[in-house]
Amino acid sequence: RIGMLRMDRNAKDRMSVSDIEHVTPGQLINARPIVAAVREFFASSQLSQFMDQTNPMSELSHKRRLSSMGPGGLSRERAGLEVRDAHPTHYGRIDIIETPEGGNIGLVLNLASYAKINEYGFIEAPYRVVKNGKVTNDVVYLDAAEEALEIIAEAGNELDKDNMFVEERVSVRRKLTPSQADASEVTFMDASKMQVIGTTAGLVPFVEKNGIDRNLTCSNMQRQAVPLVKTTSPVVGTGIENVIARNTSQLVVAEADGEVIRADGEEVQVKYGDKDIRRYEPIHFVQSNDGRSINQKVVVTRGQKVKKDDILIEGASIADGELALGRDLLVAFMPWGGYNIDDSIILSRRLVQDDELTSINIKDYMVEVRETKLGPEIVTRDIPNVSEDSLRHLDENGIVRVGAEVGPGDVLVGKITPKGEQELSSEERLLRAIFGEKAKDVRDTSQRMGHTSTGKVVGVKVFSRENGHELKAGVLMQIQIFVAQLRKVAVGDKLAGRHGNKGVVARILPVEDMPFMDTRLQSRNTAI
């Protein structure tokens, strides 16, 4: 809007000084203000952020986030308790639980589960229409001003089989204030008991039994859960896990009834009609914004009949079509030599050995090939004074192969840089005499793995001006290497439950040192 206003003002200024009979629209309209405004918003605006891709829940929560700050808004230094506190108009529109625990508390909020924003920018909440004391299934959305004119019954009021209120006096909100009213006076009823909380808080089992501060902590902890290698849906859920999974970008579903004619790791093809064949490609080991691995798996087979909205491809932290954050662990609440004092947690080594709490991180290495004063840098496999063992994963161009398992000190990109003439040592003179110009004036500037790093190469990208990529001045080529690393649970990692209880791993014990259950099966506890 700012860019359009600037363009409008510039066009009017040019029209006032131009010859109207000979001027063209291209001479009057300049699109640069719009381009500059868009670039400024996405590059430097306080409200423009990288999407949180830690897990599907954090992604969905970030998309539904509201902020009172930004251009023309509040600042955390001057915002008082009045604007941070909950307000009656938040009911059914803004999540009353999820908000940051730091300086942004009450200023950064989330939409409630069923809230939506109308064409004028106001948040609306859903309500069931009540006629003559009977609750119908007609749902309408009201903003706060419209709601203040109605008498709205709470969702907890009991109904009979005919959707009539059982009690003559029911709990209502009159002018946004809790009150009591005759059933015949009620005009609307809450659409759901869940409409006062958001999606993250809706994943907390028995949320009404928790303290509000514990629910706040739990909501924030769920957004930090990393996707695990092994995903299983939780034993105890709230019933909205599948709804949340379908509202993320991690699931691919069938667009209509059809038949799967191809299903493998590269592609899924679904035939919806005689000539309507559509292709879906799963994502494999793509780096997210915070360095996590985004990996999808195909859950259908060739020849399978699918219906509309059936799941074709599942993503990270999703199992059987449901959101699956973390693991179900058997926990013993007991003292153990003082090692689990306060918020310390003791784990069984079986969790490490069986990769029950193992995740995948993807680290990228960026290599720039530059033009120097002494000549260009060269990407090559022919590097002086480097053993063949360190170069075993490089292809003929000096770039590591996709799929190579690399370890400490292995070369990812072989690169040599020209260096100036200097007084030669006896060894260098011998090398020059043997190899001629080959080892004369270059030094090894290859990109190597760290001394303690291991992983598997899952991607290689090469950027060059020949392929149409824009590079910085003096840069001839950029090479980006993606290495996937397994991260097993270790001492110092944080674990959290779904009731706001969190702690830090203090020790990882052998299985034989863990306490046993007093049963014939001798099931081992996995955490203390």
Foldseek 3Di string as FASTA:
>chain_A
DQLVVVQVVQLVVCVVVDDVVPDDPVVRGDNVSVVVVVCCCCPPWPLHDAAQVQDLLSNVQNVQKDFQDTVPGDDLVPDDPVQQADDLQLALFWANFADDPPSCRSGMTGTFAAWDADPVGFIWGKWFFAAQQATDPDIDTDHLVVVQCFKEFEPPFDADPRRGGPDQKGWTQHSSHIDIDGSRRHGIYHPDNRSNHHDLLLFFPPSVVADSVLSNLLSVVLSNFGFAPDFDADPDTNPCQLVSQVPGPFWDWDQFKFFWADFDQAWTWTDPDPPDIDIDGWDDQDQGPVQFGKGKHADDHHGDIHGGGHTGIGITCADPSGRTGADDFFADPDDDPPLCPDQAKEFACVCQVVRRRKGKGKDKDKDFWFADPVGTKAWALDAPPDDVVLSVQADGRQAGDAFDKDFAFRFHIWIKDFADDDDDDPVQVVVCVVVPCPSNTIHTPTDTDHRGDIFGWHDKDKDAVVVPDDDDPRTGIMIMIMGMDMDGDDFQDKDDDSRNRIHTHRYHDYQVPFQFDPDPVRDGGGMD
